[in-house]
Amino acid sequence: MAYGNASIWVFLPVFLLSYLPFKFLLRNCPDLKRRFIHPEEMTAEVEEKAMVSFLERGLHRTSDGTGVLILISLFERRVHVLAGRGIDQIVPAGTWDQLVQTVTAGMHAGNACDALCEAIQLCGELLIKDFPVQSDDVNELPNLIIG
């Protein structure tokens, strides 16, 4: 013990004096807050949020299973891609990892918008190749960027 056999009355004022400054620092310095969270926990949280968003938005309900979600989590600095069963079975292994790297590299370079547009275009190219537009097709999902 750092203070030997000191009583609680020594620690109580130290705690009370340091609580508010540390609370302020953690709330207003995301980089500092991020250091207290294990990277695996951040990755798990992003994956869970992606799965929940995929299901909440009904991306799994398209007729051919072609819904694609690109989740960008700013706090965790992670990008996660989920795709419906139809497209996920056809897309070559590593394609989604390449898409994540494209967006991540663009964000690090300060070109997040261009990188996201490139990722969306890549998704469109994957879809058009194996799921060409039919005359009776309807847009089953809104094409939105949700904050």
N, C-alpha and C. Protein backbone atom coordinates (compact mmCIF):
# COMPACT_ATOMS: atom_id res chain seq x y z
N MET A 1 0.84 -1.17 0.00
CA MET A 1 0.00 0.00 0.00
C MET A 1 0.89 1.24 0.00
N ALA A 2 0.62 2.20 -0.82
CA ALA A 2 1.46 3.39 -0.98
C ALA A 2 1.47 4.28 0.25
N TYR A 3 0.38 4.32 0.99
CA TYR A 3 0.29 5.20 2.16
C TYR A 3 0.36 4.44 3.47
N GLY A 4 0.89 3.26 3.44
CA GLY A 4 1.02 2.47 4.66
C GLY A 4 -0.33 2.11 5.24
N ASN A 5 -0.50 2.41 6.49
CA ASN A 5 -1.75 2.08 7.18
C ASN A 5 -2.66 3.29 7.30
N ALA A 6 -2.64 4.17 6.32
CA ALA A 6 -3.47 5.38 6.36
C ALA A 6 -4.95 5.01 6.35
N SER A 7 -5.72 5.84 6.98
CA SER A 7 -7.16 5.57 7.06
C SER A 7 -7.87 6.08 5.81
N ILE A 8 -9.14 5.78 5.75
CA ILE A 8 -9.96 6.22 4.64
C ILE A 8 -10.02 7.74 4.56
N TRP A 9 -9.81 8.39 5.66
CA TRP A 9 -9.90 9.86 5.70
C TRP A 9 -8.75 10.52 4.93
N VAL A 10 -7.71 9.76 4.62
CA VAL A 10 -6.64 10.29 3.77
C VAL A 10 -7.05 10.18 2.31
N PHE A 11 -7.65 9.07 1.95
CA PHE A 11 -8.02 8.82 0.55
C PHE A 11 -9.25 9.60 0.11
N LEU A 12 -10.17 9.84 1.01
CA LEU A 12 -11.41 10.52 0.66
C LEU A 12 -11.17 11.92 0.10
N PRO A 13 -10.38 12.77 0.73
CA PRO A 13 -10.13 14.10 0.14
C PRO A 13 -9.37 14.01 -1.20
N VAL A 14 -8.44 13.07 -1.31
CA VAL A 14 -7.70 12.91 -2.56
C VAL A 14 -8.67 12.51 -3.67
N PHE A 15 -9.57 11.59 -3.38
CA PHE A 15 -10.56 11.17 -4.36
C PHE A 15 -11.47 12.32 -4.74
N LEU A 16 -11.98 13.02 -3.75
CA LEU A 16 -12.91 14.12 -4.02
C LEU A 16 -12.26 15.24 -4.82
N LEU A 17 -11.00 15.53 -4.57
CA LEU A 17 -10.30 16.59 -5.30
C LEU A 17 -9.92 16.19 -6.72
N SER A 18 -9.73 14.90 -6.95
CA SER A 18 -9.30 14.47 -8.28
C SER A 18 -10.46 13.99 -9.16
N TYR A 19 -11.61 13.69 -8.60
CA TYR A 19 -12.72 13.14 -9.35
C TYR A 19 -13.18 14.07 -10.49
N LEU A 20 -13.51 15.29 -10.19
CA LEU A 20 -14.04 16.20 -11.20
C LEU A 20 -13.03 16.53 -12.31
N PRO A 21 -11.76 16.81 -11.97
CA PRO A 21 -10.81 17.05 -13.07
C PRO A 21 -10.65 15.84 -14.00
N PHE A 22 -10.59 14.63 -13.43
CA PHE A 22 -10.44 13.44 -14.27
C PHE A 22 -11.71 13.18 -15.08
N LYS A 23 -12.86 13.42 -14.50
CA LYS A 23 -14.12 13.27 -15.22
C LYS A 23 -14.17 14.23 -16.40
N PHE A 24 -13.76 15.48 -16.18
CA PHE A 24 -13.72 16.47 -17.25
C PHE A 24 -12.77 16.05 -18.36
N LEU A 25 -11.58 15.58 -17.98
CA LEU A 25 -10.60 15.15 -18.98
C LEU A 25 -11.11 13.98 -19.82
N LEU A 26 -11.71 12.99 -19.17
CA LEU A 26 -12.18 11.82 -19.91
C LEU A 26 -13.35 12.16 -20.83
N ARG A 27 -14.21 13.07 -20.41
CA ARG A 27 -15.34 13.45 -21.27
C ARG A 27 -14.92 14.31 -22.45
N ASN A 28 -13.91 15.11 -22.28
CA ASN A 28 -13.54 16.08 -23.31
C ASN A 28 -12.30 15.72 -24.10
N CYS A 29 -11.68 14.62 -23.79
CA CYS A 29 -10.49 14.17 -24.53
C CYS A 29 -10.70 12.73 -25.00
N PRO A 30 -11.33 12.57 -26.16
CA PRO A 30 -11.60 11.20 -26.64
C PRO A 30 -10.34 10.35 -26.77
N ASP A 31 -9.22 10.99 -27.13
CA ASP A 31 -7.98 10.21 -27.26
C ASP A 31 -7.57 9.61 -25.93
N LEU A 32 -7.75 10.36 -24.86
CA LEU A 32 -7.42 9.85 -23.53
C LEU A 32 -8.39 8.74 -23.13
N LYS A 33 -9.67 8.96 -23.38
CA LYS A 33 -10.68 7.96 -23.06
C LYS A 33 -10.45 6.67 -23.84
N ARG A 34 -10.05 6.80 -25.10
CA ARG A 34 -9.80 5.65 -25.95
C ARG A 34 -8.68 4.77 -25.40
N ARG A 35 -7.72 5.38 -24.70
CA ARG A 35 -6.59 4.62 -24.16
C ARG A 35 -7.00 3.67 -23.03
N PHE A 36 -8.13 3.93 -22.41
CA PHE A 36 -8.60 3.09 -21.31
C PHE A 36 -9.46 1.92 -21.79
N ILE A 37 -9.73 1.84 -23.08
CA ILE A 37 -10.56 0.77 -23.63
C ILE A 37 -9.68 -0.16 -24.46
N HIS A 38 -9.77 -1.43 -24.18
CA HIS A 38 -8.96 -2.43 -24.89
C HIS A 38 -9.38 -2.48 -26.37
N PRO A 39 -8.42 -2.57 -27.30
CA PRO A 39 -8.75 -2.60 -28.73
C PRO A 39 -9.71 -3.72 -29.12
N GLU A 40 -9.59 -4.88 -28.50
CA GLU A 40 -10.51 -5.98 -28.82
C GLU A 40 -11.94 -5.64 -28.41
N GLU A 41 -12.08 -4.91 -27.29
CA GLU A 41 -13.41 -4.50 -26.85
C GLU A 41 -14.01 -3.50 -27.84
N MET A 42 -13.18 -2.58 -28.34
CA MET A 42 -13.67 -1.62 -29.32
C MET A 42 -14.12 -2.33 -30.60
N THR A 43 -13.32 -3.29 -31.05
CA THR A 43 -13.66 -4.05 -32.26
C THR A 43 -14.96 -4.81 -32.06
N ALA A 44 -15.12 -5.44 -30.91
CA ALA A 44 -16.35 -6.19 -30.62
C ALA A 44 -17.56 -5.27 -30.59
N GLU A 45 -17.41 -4.09 -30.02
CA GLU A 45 -18.52 -3.13 -29.96
C GLU A 45 -18.93 -2.66 -31.36
N VAL A 46 -17.94 -2.42 -32.21
CA VAL A 46 -18.23 -1.98 -33.58
C VAL A 46 -18.93 -3.10 -34.36
N GLU A 47 -18.44 -4.32 -34.21
CA GLU A 47 -19.08 -5.45 -34.90
C GLU A 47 -20.52 -5.63 -34.43
N GLU A 48 -20.75 -5.49 -33.13
CA GLU A 48 -22.10 -5.62 -32.60
C GLU A 48 -23.01 -4.51 -33.12
N LYS A 49 -22.50 -3.29 -33.14
CA LYS A 49 -23.29 -2.16 -33.65
C LYS A 49 -23.62 -2.37 -35.13
N ALA A 50 -22.67 -2.89 -35.90
CA ALA A 50 -22.92 -3.16 -37.31
C ALA A 50 -24.02 -4.19 -37.48
N MET A 51 -23.97 -5.26 -36.70
CA MET A 51 -24.98 -6.31 -36.80
C MET A 51 -26.36 -5.77 -36.42
N VAL A 52 -26.42 -5.01 -35.35
CA VAL A 52 -27.70 -4.43 -34.91
C VAL A 52 -28.24 -3.48 -35.98
N SER A 53 -27.39 -2.63 -36.52
CA SER A 53 -27.82 -1.69 -37.55
C SER A 53 -28.29 -2.42 -38.81
N PHE A 54 -27.57 -3.47 -39.17
CA PHE A 54 -27.93 -4.27 -40.35
C PHE A 54 -29.34 -4.83 -40.20
N LEU A 55 -29.62 -5.35 -39.02
CA LEU A 55 -30.93 -5.95 -38.77
C LEU A 55 -32.01 -4.88 -38.60
N GLU A 56 -31.71 -3.81 -37.87
CA GLU A 56 -32.69 -2.74 -37.66
C GLU A 56 -33.11 -2.08 -38.97
N ARG A 57 -32.19 -1.92 -39.87
CA ARG A 57 -32.48 -1.26 -41.14
C ARG A 57 -33.10 -2.22 -42.17
N GLY A 58 -33.19 -3.50 -41.83
CA GLY A 58 -33.81 -4.47 -42.71
C GLY A 58 -32.96 -4.82 -43.93
N LEU A 59 -31.66 -4.66 -43.81
CA LEU A 59 -30.78 -4.95 -44.95
C LEU A 59 -30.74 -6.44 -45.28
N HIS A 60 -31.16 -7.27 -44.36
CA HIS A 60 -31.19 -8.72 -44.58
C HIS A 60 -32.46 -9.16 -45.30
N ARG A 61 -33.40 -8.26 -45.50
CA ARG A 61 -34.69 -8.63 -46.09
C ARG A 61 -34.80 -8.39 -47.59
N THR A 62 -33.73 -8.04 -48.27
CA THR A 62 -33.84 -7.82 -49.71
C THR A 62 -34.09 -9.14 -50.41
N SER A 63 -34.74 -9.08 -51.56
CA SER A 63 -35.14 -10.32 -52.24
C SER A 63 -33.96 -11.20 -52.63
N ASP A 64 -32.85 -10.60 -53.03
CA ASP A 64 -31.68 -11.39 -53.42
C ASP A 64 -30.60 -11.42 -52.35
N GLY A 65 -30.85 -10.82 -51.20
CA GLY A 65 -29.85 -10.79 -50.13
C GLY A 65 -28.66 -9.93 -50.49
N THR A 66 -28.93 -8.75 -51.05
CA THR A 66 -27.83 -7.91 -51.54
C THR A 66 -27.63 -6.63 -50.73
N GLY A 67 -28.17 -6.56 -49.54
CA GLY A 67 -27.96 -5.38 -48.71
C GLY A 67 -26.51 -5.30 -48.25
N VAL A 68 -25.95 -4.10 -48.25
CA VAL A 68 -24.58 -3.90 -47.79
C VAL A 68 -24.57 -2.73 -46.82
N LEU A 69 -23.91 -2.93 -45.68
CA LEU A 69 -23.76 -1.89 -44.68
C LEU A 69 -22.29 -1.59 -44.50
N ILE A 70 -21.93 -0.31 -44.60
CA ILE A 70 -20.57 0.13 -44.30
C ILE A 70 -20.70 0.99 -43.06
N LEU A 71 -20.23 0.48 -41.92
CA LEU A 71 -20.32 1.20 -40.65
C LEU A 71 -18.98 1.86 -40.35
N ILE A 72 -19.01 3.15 -40.16
CA ILE A 72 -17.81 3.89 -39.78
C ILE A 72 -18.03 4.39 -38.37
N SER A 73 -17.23 3.90 -37.44
CA SER A 73 -17.32 4.31 -36.04
C SER A 73 -16.17 5.27 -35.76
N LEU A 74 -16.52 6.53 -35.57
CA LEU A 74 -15.50 7.56 -35.42
C LEU A 74 -14.75 7.45 -34.09
N PHE A 75 -15.47 7.21 -33.00
CA PHE A 75 -14.79 7.14 -31.70
C PHE A 75 -13.77 6.00 -31.68
N GLU A 76 -14.21 4.81 -32.12
CA GLU A 76 -13.32 3.65 -32.09
C GLU A 76 -12.33 3.65 -33.24
N ARG A 77 -12.57 4.51 -34.23
CA ARG A 77 -11.73 4.57 -35.43
C ARG A 77 -11.68 3.22 -36.13
N ARG A 78 -12.87 2.68 -36.34
CA ARG A 78 -12.99 1.38 -36.98
C ARG A 78 -14.01 1.47 -38.11
N VAL A 79 -13.84 0.62 -39.10
CA VAL A 79 -14.78 0.49 -40.21
C VAL A 79 -15.15 -0.99 -40.29
N HIS A 80 -16.44 -1.27 -40.44
CA HIS A 80 -16.90 -2.66 -40.52
C HIS A 80 -17.91 -2.76 -41.65
N VAL A 81 -17.79 -3.82 -42.46
CA VAL A 81 -18.70 -4.03 -43.58
C VAL A 81 -19.46 -5.33 -43.36
N LEU A 82 -20.78 -5.26 -43.53
CA LEU A 82 -21.63 -6.44 -43.49
C LEU A 82 -22.42 -6.50 -44.78
N ALA A 83 -22.60 -7.70 -45.30
CA ALA A 83 -23.35 -7.87 -46.54
C ALA A 83 -24.37 -8.98 -46.37
N GLY A 84 -25.44 -8.88 -47.14
CA GLY A 84 -26.47 -9.91 -47.14
C GLY A 84 -25.94 -11.22 -47.68
N ARG A 85 -26.66 -12.29 -47.38
CA ARG A 85 -26.20 -13.63 -47.74
C ARG A 85 -26.00 -13.80 -49.24
N GLY A 86 -26.82 -13.16 -50.06
CA GLY A 86 -26.72 -13.32 -51.51
C GLY A 86 -25.41 -12.82 -52.07
N ILE A 87 -25.03 -11.62 -51.69
CA ILE A 87 -23.78 -11.06 -52.21
C ILE A 87 -22.57 -11.61 -51.48
N ASP A 88 -22.73 -11.92 -50.19
CA ASP A 88 -21.59 -12.40 -49.41
C ASP A 88 -21.11 -13.76 -49.90
N GLN A 89 -22.02 -14.57 -50.45
CA GLN A 89 -21.63 -15.89 -50.97
C GLN A 89 -20.87 -15.79 -52.28
N ILE A 90 -21.08 -14.72 -53.02
CA ILE A 90 -20.48 -14.58 -54.35
C ILE A 90 -19.17 -13.80 -54.32
N VAL A 91 -19.07 -12.86 -53.41
CA VAL A 91 -17.90 -11.98 -53.35
C VAL A 91 -16.66 -12.78 -52.93
N PRO A 92 -15.54 -12.59 -53.63
CA PRO A 92 -14.31 -13.31 -53.26
C PRO A 92 -13.83 -12.94 -51.86
N ALA A 93 -13.20 -13.90 -51.21
CA ALA A 93 -12.68 -13.67 -49.86
C ALA A 93 -11.71 -12.49 -49.87
N GLY A 94 -11.79 -11.68 -48.86
CA GLY A 94 -10.89 -10.53 -48.74
C GLY A 94 -11.41 -9.26 -49.37
N THR A 95 -12.53 -9.34 -50.09
CA THR A 95 -13.08 -8.14 -50.75
C THR A 95 -13.51 -7.11 -49.72
N TRP A 96 -14.20 -7.58 -48.67
CA TRP A 96 -14.67 -6.63 -47.65
C TRP A 96 -13.50 -6.04 -46.87
N ASP A 97 -12.45 -6.84 -46.66
CA ASP A 97 -11.25 -6.32 -45.99
C ASP A 97 -10.61 -5.22 -46.84
N GLN A 98 -10.59 -5.42 -48.15
CA GLN A 98 -10.05 -4.42 -49.07
C GLN A 98 -10.87 -3.13 -48.99
N LEU A 99 -12.18 -3.29 -48.92
CA LEU A 99 -13.07 -2.14 -48.83
C LEU A 99 -12.83 -1.38 -47.52
N VAL A 100 -12.66 -2.11 -46.41
CA VAL A 100 -12.37 -1.49 -45.11
C VAL A 100 -11.04 -0.74 -45.18
N GLN A 101 -10.03 -1.33 -45.81
CA GLN A 101 -8.73 -0.68 -45.93
C GLN A 101 -8.82 0.59 -46.77
N THR A 102 -9.65 0.57 -47.80
CA THR A 102 -9.83 1.76 -48.65
C THR A 102 -10.40 2.91 -47.84
N VAL A 103 -11.45 2.62 -47.08
CA VAL A 103 -12.09 3.67 -46.28
C VAL A 103 -11.15 4.15 -45.18
N THR A 104 -10.50 3.21 -44.50
CA THR A 104 -9.59 3.56 -43.40
C THR A 104 -8.43 4.40 -43.90
N ALA A 105 -7.84 4.02 -45.02
CA ALA A 105 -6.72 4.79 -45.58
C ALA A 105 -7.18 6.20 -45.97
N GLY A 106 -8.36 6.30 -46.54
CA GLY A 106 -8.89 7.62 -46.89
C GLY A 106 -9.13 8.48 -45.69
N MET A 107 -9.61 7.89 -44.62
CA MET A 107 -9.85 8.65 -43.39
C MET A 107 -8.54 9.15 -42.79
N HIS A 108 -7.54 8.30 -42.80
CA HIS A 108 -6.23 8.70 -42.25
C HIS A 108 -5.58 9.78 -43.10
N ALA A 109 -5.85 9.76 -44.41
CA ALA A 109 -5.26 10.74 -45.32
C ALA A 109 -6.07 12.03 -45.36
N GLY A 110 -7.22 12.06 -44.67
CA GLY A 110 -8.05 13.26 -44.67
C GLY A 110 -9.01 13.33 -45.85
N ASN A 111 -9.18 12.22 -46.56
CA ASN A 111 -10.08 12.15 -47.71
C ASN A 111 -11.21 11.17 -47.46
N ALA A 112 -11.88 11.30 -46.31
CA ALA A 112 -12.91 10.34 -45.93
C ALA A 112 -14.05 10.29 -46.94
N CYS A 113 -14.46 11.44 -47.44
CA CYS A 113 -15.57 11.49 -48.39
C CYS A 113 -15.22 10.75 -49.68
N ASP A 114 -14.05 11.02 -50.23
CA ASP A 114 -13.62 10.35 -51.46
C ASP A 114 -13.48 8.85 -51.25
N ALA A 115 -12.94 8.45 -50.09
CA ALA A 115 -12.75 7.03 -49.81
C ALA A 115 -14.09 6.33 -49.67
N LEU A 116 -15.04 6.99 -49.03
CA LEU A 116 -16.36 6.39 -48.87
C LEU A 116 -17.06 6.26 -50.22
N CYS A 117 -16.93 7.29 -51.05
CA CYS A 117 -17.51 7.22 -52.41
C CYS A 117 -16.89 6.08 -53.21
N GLU A 118 -15.59 5.90 -53.08
CA GLU A 118 -14.91 4.81 -53.78
C GLU A 118 -15.41 3.45 -53.28
N ALA A 119 -15.61 3.33 -51.96
CA ALA A 119 -16.11 2.08 -51.39
C ALA A 119 -17.53 1.78 -51.87
N ILE A 120 -18.37 2.82 -51.93
CA ILE A 120 -19.74 2.64 -52.41
C ILE A 120 -19.75 2.24 -53.88
N GLN A 121 -18.88 2.85 -54.66
CA GLN A 121 -18.77 2.51 -56.07
C GLN A 121 -18.32 1.06 -56.24
N LEU A 122 -17.37 0.64 -55.42
CA LEU A 122 -16.90 -0.75 -55.47
C LEU A 122 -18.04 -1.71 -55.14
N CYS A 123 -18.87 -1.36 -54.16
CA CYS A 123 -20.04 -2.20 -53.82
C CYS A 123 -20.99 -2.26 -55.01
N GLY A 124 -21.21 -1.13 -55.67
CA GLY A 124 -22.08 -1.10 -56.84
C GLY A 124 -21.56 -1.98 -57.96
N GLU A 125 -20.25 -1.95 -58.18
CA GLU A 125 -19.65 -2.78 -59.22
C GLU A 125 -19.80 -4.26 -58.91
N LEU A 126 -19.65 -4.62 -57.63
CA LEU A 126 -19.84 -6.01 -57.22
C LEU A 126 -21.28 -6.46 -57.44
N LEU A 127 -22.21 -5.58 -57.12
CA LEU A 127 -23.62 -5.93 -57.26
C LEU A 127 -24.04 -6.03 -58.72
N ILE A 128 -23.62 -5.07 -59.54
CA ILE A 128 -24.06 -5.03 -60.94
C ILE A 128 -23.53 -6.23 -61.72
N LYS A 129 -22.35 -6.72 -61.31
CA LYS A 129 -21.75 -7.84 -62.01
C LYS A 129 -22.58 -9.12 -61.84
N ASP A 130 -22.99 -9.41 -60.62
CA ASP A 130 -23.69 -10.66 -60.34
C ASP A 130 -25.20 -10.50 -60.18
N PHE A 131 -25.64 -9.27 -60.00
CA PHE A 131 -27.07 -9.00 -59.85
C PHE A 131 -27.46 -7.84 -60.75
N PRO A 132 -27.46 -8.05 -62.06
CA PRO A 132 -27.76 -6.95 -62.98
C PRO A 132 -29.18 -6.42 -62.78
N VAL A 133 -29.37 -5.18 -63.15
CA VAL A 133 -30.68 -4.53 -63.01
C VAL A 133 -31.68 -5.20 -63.95
N GLN A 134 -32.82 -5.56 -63.40
CA GLN A 134 -33.90 -6.17 -64.17
C GLN A 134 -34.97 -5.11 -64.45
N SER A 135 -35.79 -5.34 -65.45
CA SER A 135 -36.82 -4.37 -65.81
C SER A 135 -37.87 -4.18 -64.71
N ASP A 136 -38.10 -5.21 -63.90
CA ASP A 136 -39.10 -5.09 -62.84
C ASP A 136 -38.49 -4.80 -61.46
N ASP A 137 -37.22 -4.45 -61.42
CA ASP A 137 -36.56 -4.14 -60.15
C ASP A 137 -37.11 -2.87 -59.51
N VAL A 138 -37.18 -2.92 -58.20
CA VAL A 138 -37.51 -1.72 -57.41
C VAL A 138 -36.41 -1.56 -56.38
N ASN A 139 -36.18 -0.33 -55.98
CA ASN A 139 -35.18 -0.07 -54.95
C ASN A 139 -35.77 -0.46 -53.61
N GLU A 140 -35.31 -1.56 -53.04
CA GLU A 140 -35.88 -2.08 -51.80
C GLU A 140 -35.37 -1.36 -50.57
N LEU A 141 -34.25 -0.67 -50.69
CA LEU A 141 -33.65 0.01 -49.53
C LEU A 141 -33.39 1.46 -49.87
N PRO A 142 -33.49 2.33 -48.86
CA PRO A 142 -33.11 3.72 -49.11
C PRO A 142 -31.59 3.83 -49.19
N ASN A 143 -31.11 4.63 -50.10
CA ASN A 143 -29.67 4.85 -50.24
C ASN A 143 -29.31 6.05 -49.37
N LEU A 144 -29.02 5.78 -48.11
CA LEU A 144 -28.82 6.86 -47.14
C LEU A 144 -27.49 6.73 -46.43
N ILE A 145 -27.00 7.88 -46.02
CA ILE A 145 -25.90 7.93 -45.07
C ILE A 145 -26.55 8.36 -43.76
N ILE A 146 -26.46 7.51 -42.77
CA ILE A 146 -27.12 7.76 -41.49
C ILE A 146 -26.09 8.08 -40.45
N GLY A 147 -26.29 9.18 -39.76
CA GLY A 147 -25.34 9.62 -38.73
C GLY A 147 -25.64 9.09 -37.38
